[in-house]
Amino acid sequence: MSPESLAALVALASEPLGLSEDDLLQRLARAGIETPSEALRALVSAGHARQERRFWRPTPSGHQALREAHAALTQRFDVSPSTPDMEECPSVPWLTQVQTHWVEAVSLNYAVDAGRLARLLPAPLEPELHRGTAWVQVLMSSLRDMRPQGVSPLLGVCFYQASYRAAVRYRNARGDWRRGGYFVRSETNDPVMRRVGNALDEFRFHTFGEAHMVMAREGDLLTLAVDPEAAFPGGRLVGVFDTRPRTEPPEASVWTGLDDLHEPLVECYDALGVAGGHVYVLTIDRAPWNARFATPVELYCEYLEEGPLAPGARLDSVLHLTECAYRWRPLRRERFAP
């Protein structure tokens, strides 16, 4: 179906009582369709539209064609399309398809040594290189009203979380590359969320630690701190950031601007885990990140400065992110290349 015919079909389907031919042609002309009459004739020729008492309406085959076109467009623009070999495997569907909001968050973007990062990854995951180096983002976020989809926000949970997300990729059994994020470390300040995260397949590809956390704002200054419990050493984090929005990266950054780092570090929707010969893919559908560069005033990140990725880890840039809606898809898995 041509784009012009699809536009005509959408216009007809949006009006339950139908449209007169003049109204339809005027709408198509206002939408920039140069040959609206030809678009209508094509629909009639395909059996997708018919006229009843001076009004044009979609036929049953027209409605089916519209559903198929919608499915094709959804697949075309899906940020995480399924492969033919991928299967859904949610552990508890009603519980694990959750939704939440980021109140605000900070992304500390570290360039790290690819060899050191590779030693932390389970096969077949490998570091995804950008600008000749591997990357780990430390994401400290304040989450609001996390709850199963369809449940009232009044029953949601509010908490802090710190996640260390490595940019990775793998080759599936069909030989295709797929990219995503692998969490080499995470903490939360909510003991219930920690137990849930460590119990469910959707989240237990790494161990959630527990920590005392705070995010506090005074004007443009945002202070955050993470003090892990003794059982989860190595994750102390203290930072003060000037969040006045900047569109330019710091001078030492390898990125030229927000657009430059957008696809490598922001357009990441899949959290990956490995178990039993499968790569598990947890996809998060979210609103666009409203990201701006922020300026670190003070910063100490124990894991990157003294942990398994040190020495050689270098803070490249800091992003400050504001309100953003999140929703989890059902967990999927696929075989990976031997």
Protein backbone atom coordinates (compact mmCIF):
# COMPACT_ATOMS: atom_id res chain seq x y z
CA MET A 1 0.00 0.00 0.00
CA SER A 2 1.33 3.41 -0.94
CA PRO A 3 1.79 6.09 1.73
CA GLU A 4 -0.94 8.14 0.01
CA SER A 5 -3.44 5.28 0.17
CA LEU A 6 -2.50 4.55 3.77
CA ALA A 7 -3.12 8.20 4.66
CA ALA A 8 -6.56 8.01 3.01
CA LEU A 9 -7.37 4.81 4.87
CA VAL A 10 -6.34 6.34 8.21
CA ALA A 11 -8.51 9.39 7.50
CA LEU A 12 -11.53 7.20 6.77
CA ALA A 13 -10.97 4.93 9.79
CA SER A 14 -10.78 7.94 12.10
CA GLU A 15 -14.38 8.89 11.27
CA PRO A 16 -16.89 6.16 12.33
CA LEU A 17 -19.65 7.73 10.24
CA GLY A 18 -17.45 8.11 7.19
CA LEU A 19 -16.40 11.10 5.11
CA SER A 20 -17.83 12.72 2.05
CA GLU A 21 -15.52 12.65 -0.94
CA ASP A 22 -14.95 16.41 -0.76
CA ASP A 23 -14.05 16.24 2.94
CA LEU A 24 -11.69 13.32 2.38
CA LEU A 25 -9.90 14.96 -0.52
CA GLN A 26 -9.55 18.24 1.39
CA ARG A 27 -8.05 16.45 4.39
CA LEU A 28 -5.55 14.62 2.21
CA ALA A 29 -4.61 17.84 0.42
CA ARG A 30 -4.02 19.60 3.76
CA ALA A 31 -1.82 16.66 4.78
CA GLY A 32 0.39 17.26 1.76
CA ILE A 33 -0.95 14.47 -0.48
CA GLU A 34 -0.46 15.80 -4.02
CA THR A 35 -2.83 13.34 -5.73
CA PRO A 36 -5.65 12.67 -3.24
CA SER A 37 -8.07 11.42 -5.91
CA GLU A 38 -5.58 8.76 -7.00
CA ALA A 39 -5.14 7.63 -3.40
CA LEU A 40 -8.91 7.12 -3.07
CA ARG A 41 -9.13 5.26 -6.38
CA ALA A 42 -6.34 2.93 -5.27
CA LEU A 43 -8.27 2.09 -2.10
CA VAL A 44 -11.41 1.34 -4.08
CA SER A 45 -9.48 -0.78 -6.57
CA ALA A 46 -7.99 -2.84 -3.72
CA GLY A 47 -11.41 -3.28 -2.12
CA HIS A 48 -10.38 -1.33 0.99
CA ALA A 49 -13.02 1.43 0.76
CA ARG A 50 -16.58 1.81 -0.48
CA GLN A 51 -19.17 4.57 -0.72
CA GLU A 52 -22.47 4.33 1.12
CA ARG A 53 -25.01 7.16 0.87
CA ARG A 54 -22.40 9.68 -0.26
CA PHE A 55 -19.98 8.75 2.53
CA TRP A 56 -16.77 6.79 2.13
CA ARG A 57 -15.92 4.14 4.73
CA PRO A 58 -13.28 1.40 5.06
CA THR A 59 -14.38 -2.12 4.17
CA PRO A 60 -13.54 -5.07 6.44
CA SER A 61 -10.50 -5.73 4.26
CA GLY A 62 -9.58 -2.05 4.66
CA HIS A 63 -9.63 -2.37 8.44
CA GLN A 64 -7.47 -5.49 8.19
CA ALA A 65 -5.03 -3.72 5.88
CA LEU A 66 -4.81 -0.87 8.38
CA ARG A 67 -4.06 -3.29 11.23
CA GLU A 68 -1.35 -4.96 9.15
CA ALA A 69 0.18 -1.60 8.24
CA HIS A 70 0.17 -0.59 11.91
CA ALA A 71 1.89 -3.85 12.88
CA ALA A 72 4.51 -3.36 10.16
CA LEU A 73 5.21 0.21 11.29
CA THR A 74 5.44 -0.89 14.92
CA GLN A 75 7.94 -3.58 13.95
CA ARG A 76 9.89 -1.18 11.75
CA PHE A 77 10.38 1.36 14.53
CA ASP A 78 10.66 -1.07 17.44
CA VAL A 79 13.74 -0.18 19.47
CA SER A 80 14.13 -3.85 20.40
CA PRO A 81 12.54 -6.14 17.80
CA SER A 82 12.22 -9.85 18.48
CA THR A 83 14.15 -12.32 16.38
CA PRO A 84 12.38 -15.37 14.90
CA ASP A 85 14.07 -17.55 17.54
CA MET A 86 13.22 -15.35 20.51
CA GLU A 87 10.64 -16.48 23.06
CA GLU A 88 8.87 -14.74 25.90
CA CYS A 89 9.64 -16.16 29.33
CA PRO A 90 8.34 -13.84 32.07
CA SER A 91 8.74 -15.38 35.51
CA VAL A 92 5.62 -13.76 37.00
CA PRO A 93 3.89 -11.81 34.19
CA TRP A 94 1.55 -9.74 36.37
CA LEU A 95 4.37 -8.76 38.71
CA THR A 96 7.37 -8.26 36.45
CA GLN A 97 5.73 -6.06 33.81
CA VAL A 98 6.14 -2.94 35.90
CA GLN A 99 6.08 0.78 35.35
CA THR A 100 7.74 3.66 37.14
CA HIS A 101 9.04 7.22 36.73
CA TRP A 102 12.48 8.62 37.12
CA VAL A 103 12.12 11.78 39.19
CA GLU A 104 15.65 12.68 38.17
CA ALA A 105 18.90 10.86 37.55
CA VAL A 106 22.60 11.35 36.89
CA SER A 107 24.63 9.36 34.36
CA LEU A 108 28.38 9.26 34.97
CA ASN A 109 29.92 8.19 31.66
CA TYR A 110 33.23 6.39 32.11
CA ALA A 111 35.58 5.29 29.35
CA VAL A 112 37.16 2.02 30.52
CA ASP A 113 39.70 -0.51 29.34
CA ALA A 114 37.99 -3.10 27.13
CA GLY A 115 40.15 -5.96 28.42
CA ARG A 116 39.35 -5.23 32.05
CA LEU A 117 35.63 -4.96 31.30
CA ALA A 118 35.64 -8.19 29.27
CA ARG A 119 36.78 -10.11 32.37
CA LEU A 120 33.58 -9.05 34.16
CA LEU A 121 31.23 -10.22 31.40
CA PRO A 122 29.72 -13.67 30.98
CA ALA A 123 30.12 -15.25 27.54
CA PRO A 124 28.93 -14.45 24.89
CA LEU A 125 28.76 -10.79 25.97
CA GLU A 126 31.64 -8.58 24.93
CA PRO A 127 32.34 -4.86 25.32
CA GLU A 128 30.84 -2.62 22.66
CA LEU A 129 33.50 -0.13 21.66
CA HIS A 130 32.80 3.51 20.86
CA ARG A 131 35.57 5.96 20.01
CA GLY A 132 38.02 3.10 20.48
CA THR A 133 37.14 2.34 24.10
CA ALA A 134 34.62 0.48 26.25
CA TRP A 135 32.04 2.28 28.38
CA VAL A 136 30.36 1.96 31.75
CA GLN A 137 27.63 4.34 32.88
CA VAL A 138 26.97 4.81 36.57
CA LEU A 139 23.27 5.65 36.75
CA MET A 140 22.06 7.05 40.06
CA SER A 141 18.30 7.58 39.96
CA SER A 142 15.33 8.45 42.11
CA LEU A 143 12.39 6.23 41.14
CA ARG A 144 8.77 6.95 41.94
CA ASP A 145 5.74 4.69 42.25
CA MET A 146 7.17 1.45 40.81
CA ARG A 147 4.31 -1.03 40.56
CA PRO A 148 2.84 -3.64 38.17
CA GLN A 149 1.23 -2.10 35.12
CA GLY A 150 -2.41 -1.21 35.74
CA VAL A 151 -1.96 -0.86 39.50
CA SER A 152 -2.65 2.49 41.15
CA PRO A 153 0.41 4.71 41.80
CA LEU A 154 -0.74 4.84 45.44
CA LEU A 155 0.48 1.24 45.76
CA GLY A 156 3.84 1.92 44.13
CA VAL A 157 7.28 1.94 45.74
CA CYS A 158 9.63 4.94 45.77
CA PHE A 159 13.35 4.30 46.15
CA TYR A 160 16.86 5.09 44.98
CA GLN A 161 19.00 2.92 42.77
CA ALA A 162 22.61 2.99 41.56
CA SER A 163 23.42 0.83 38.54
CA TYR A 164 26.72 0.31 36.74
CA ARG A 165 25.71 -0.39 33.14
CA ALA A 166 28.31 -1.61 30.67
CA ALA A 167 27.73 -1.16 26.94
CA VAL A 168 27.91 -4.68 25.49
CA ARG A 169 26.95 -6.75 22.48
CA TYR A 170 26.60 -10.43 21.52
CA ARG A 171 26.02 -12.56 18.45
CA ASN A 172 22.85 -14.68 18.51
CA ALA A 173 22.42 -18.17 17.03
CA ARG A 174 21.42 -16.67 13.66
CA GLY A 175 24.72 -14.79 13.54
CA ASP A 176 23.24 -11.33 14.09
CA TRP A 177 24.73 -8.82 16.50
CA ARG A 178 22.55 -7.36 19.25
CA ARG A 179 23.55 -4.59 21.63
CA GLY A 180 22.40 -3.73 25.13
CA GLY A 181 23.51 -3.04 28.67
CA TYR A 182 24.92 -5.43 31.26
CA PHE A 183 24.89 -4.42 34.92
CA VAL A 184 28.22 -5.20 36.52
CA ARG A 185 26.99 -3.82 39.85
CA SER A 186 23.78 -2.41 41.38
CA GLU A 187 22.53 -1.17 44.73
CA THR A 188 19.21 -0.01 46.06
CA ASN A 189 18.19 1.50 49.38
CA ASP A 190 14.95 -0.52 49.54
CA PRO A 191 15.38 -3.99 51.09
CA VAL A 192 12.12 -5.29 49.59
CA MET A 193 13.12 -4.21 46.07
CA ARG A 194 16.52 -5.81 46.65
CA ARG A 195 14.96 -9.16 47.59
CA VAL A 196 12.56 -9.02 44.65
CA GLY A 197 15.37 -8.10 42.28
CA ASN A 198 17.52 -11.00 43.43
CA ALA A 199 14.64 -13.50 43.29
CA LEU A 200 13.19 -12.92 39.82
CA ASP A 201 14.67 -13.96 36.49
CA GLU A 202 14.09 -10.48 35.13
CA PHE A 203 16.64 -8.96 37.48
CA ARG A 204 18.89 -11.65 38.95
CA PHE A 205 21.63 -11.69 36.31
CA HIS A 206 23.71 -9.84 38.88
CA THR A 207 23.40 -9.44 42.63
CA PHE A 208 21.60 -6.37 43.93
CA GLY A 209 23.36 -4.90 46.90
CA GLU A 210 21.84 -2.78 49.63
CA ALA A 211 23.09 0.67 50.54
CA HIS A 212 22.20 3.88 52.31
CA MET A 213 21.46 6.44 49.59
CA VAL A 214 20.50 10.05 49.27
CA MET A 215 19.83 12.55 46.50
CA ALA A 216 19.40 16.13 47.69
CA ARG A 217 19.04 19.38 45.78
CA GLU A 218 19.94 22.93 46.78
CA GLY A 219 19.22 25.26 43.90
CA ASP A 220 21.22 24.09 40.90
CA LEU A 221 23.44 21.83 42.99
CA LEU A 222 22.51 18.15 43.21
CA THR A 223 24.24 16.03 45.85
CA LEU A 224 24.17 12.24 45.78
CA ALA A 225 25.74 9.64 48.03
CA VAL A 226 25.83 5.84 48.18
CA ASP A 227 27.17 4.03 51.25
CA PRO A 228 26.91 0.24 50.72
CA GLU A 229 26.27 -2.25 53.48
CA ALA A 230 29.35 -4.11 54.71
CA ALA A 231 28.33 -7.20 52.74
CA PHE A 232 28.65 -5.27 49.45
CA PRO A 233 31.94 -3.37 49.64
CA GLY A 234 33.47 -1.30 46.86
CA GLY A 235 30.55 0.89 45.86
CA ARG A 236 30.96 4.12 47.80
CA LEU A 237 29.86 7.05 45.68
CA VAL A 238 29.76 10.76 46.56
CA GLY A 239 29.10 13.53 44.09
CA VAL A 240 28.03 17.15 43.86
CA PHE A 241 26.89 18.37 40.45
CA ASP A 242 26.01 21.73 38.97
CA THR A 243 22.88 20.85 37.00
CA ARG A 244 22.51 24.10 35.11
CA PRO A 245 21.83 22.69 31.63
CA ARG A 246 24.75 22.63 29.21
CA THR A 247 24.59 21.49 25.61
CA GLU A 248 28.36 21.25 25.18
CA PRO A 249 30.47 18.42 26.65
CA PRO A 250 33.57 19.04 28.75
CA GLU A 251 36.75 19.80 26.84
CA ALA A 252 38.30 16.39 27.51
CA SER A 253 35.24 14.46 26.30
CA VAL A 254 35.51 12.32 23.17
CA TRP A 255 31.98 13.36 22.20
CA THR A 256 31.23 16.52 20.24
CA GLY A 257 27.78 17.03 21.72
CA LEU A 258 24.56 15.43 22.93
CA ASP A 259 23.64 14.15 19.47
CA ASP A 260 27.04 12.53 19.13
CA LEU A 261 26.72 10.36 22.24
CA HIS A 262 22.97 9.79 21.89
CA GLU A 263 22.99 6.46 20.07
CA PRO A 264 26.00 4.88 21.85
CA LEU A 265 25.11 5.81 25.44
CA VAL A 266 21.47 6.94 25.54
CA GLU A 267 19.68 4.72 23.03
CA CYS A 268 20.02 1.59 25.14
CA TYR A 269 16.73 -0.15 25.92
CA ASP A 270 17.80 -3.76 26.61
CA ALA A 271 19.24 -5.11 29.85
CA LEU A 272 21.02 -8.39 29.12
CA GLY A 273 21.77 -11.47 31.20
CA VAL A 274 23.11 -14.94 30.45
CA ALA A 275 21.94 -18.29 31.84
CA GLY A 276 21.50 -21.85 30.59
CA GLY A 277 22.72 -21.28 27.04
CA HIS A 278 20.44 -18.28 26.50
CA VAL A 279 20.84 -14.53 26.50
CA TYR A 280 17.92 -12.99 28.36
CA VAL A 281 16.65 -9.64 27.13
CA LEU A 282 14.66 -7.31 29.40
CA THR A 283 13.43 -4.38 27.33
CA ILE A 284 12.34 -1.09 28.84
CA ASP A 285 10.04 1.14 26.84
CA ARG A 286 10.58 4.67 28.05
CA ALA A 287 10.05 8.27 27.18
CA PRO A 288 13.03 10.08 25.62
CA TRP A 289 15.75 11.03 28.05
CA ASN A 290 15.68 14.76 28.64
CA ALA A 291 19.46 14.77 29.00
CA ARG A 292 21.80 17.72 29.41
CA PHE A 293 25.45 17.84 30.33
CA ALA A 294 26.12 18.62 33.99
CA THR A 295 29.31 19.79 35.67
CA PRO A 296 30.84 17.70 38.48
CA VAL A 297 31.90 19.91 41.38
CA GLU A 298 33.07 17.00 43.53
CA LEU A 299 33.08 13.29 42.70
CA TYR A 300 34.39 10.07 44.17
CA CYS A 301 33.35 6.74 42.64
CA GLU A 302 35.07 3.88 44.43
CA TYR A 303 34.18 1.17 41.91
CA LEU A 304 35.68 3.04 38.94
CA GLU A 305 38.59 4.62 40.79
CA GLU A 306 39.71 1.66 42.91
CA GLY A 307 37.69 -1.36 41.75
CA PRO A 308 38.10 -3.98 39.01
CA LEU A 309 38.05 -1.40 36.20
CA ALA A 310 40.87 0.66 37.70
CA PRO A 311 43.37 1.85 36.77
CA GLY A 312 42.49 3.34 33.42
CA ALA A 313 38.84 4.27 33.97
CA ARG A 314 38.31 7.91 32.98
CA LEU A 315 35.29 10.10 33.62
CA ASP A 316 34.32 11.43 30.21
CA SER A 317 31.13 13.36 30.93
CA VAL A 318 28.10 13.64 33.20
CA LEU A 319 24.47 13.80 32.11
CA HIS A 320 21.61 15.11 34.22
CA LEU A 321 18.19 13.64 33.42
CA THR A 322 14.77 14.81 34.51
CA GLU A 323 11.31 13.23 34.62
CA CYS A 324 11.03 10.10 32.47
CA ALA A 325 8.39 7.34 32.33
CA TYR A 326 9.50 3.69 32.22
CA ARG A 327 7.62 0.47 31.43
CA TRP A 328 9.00 -3.08 31.34
CA ARG A 329 8.16 -5.53 28.55
CA PRO A 330 7.83 -9.28 29.20
CA LEU A 331 11.21 -10.98 29.54
CA ARG A 332 12.54 -12.67 26.37
CA ARG A 333 15.41 -15.01 25.62
CA GLU A 334 17.28 -16.41 22.65
CA ARG A 335 20.12 -18.83 21.95
CA PHE A 336 23.52 -17.35 21.28
CA ALA A 337 26.17 -18.35 18.80
CA PRO A 338 28.42 -21.16 20.09
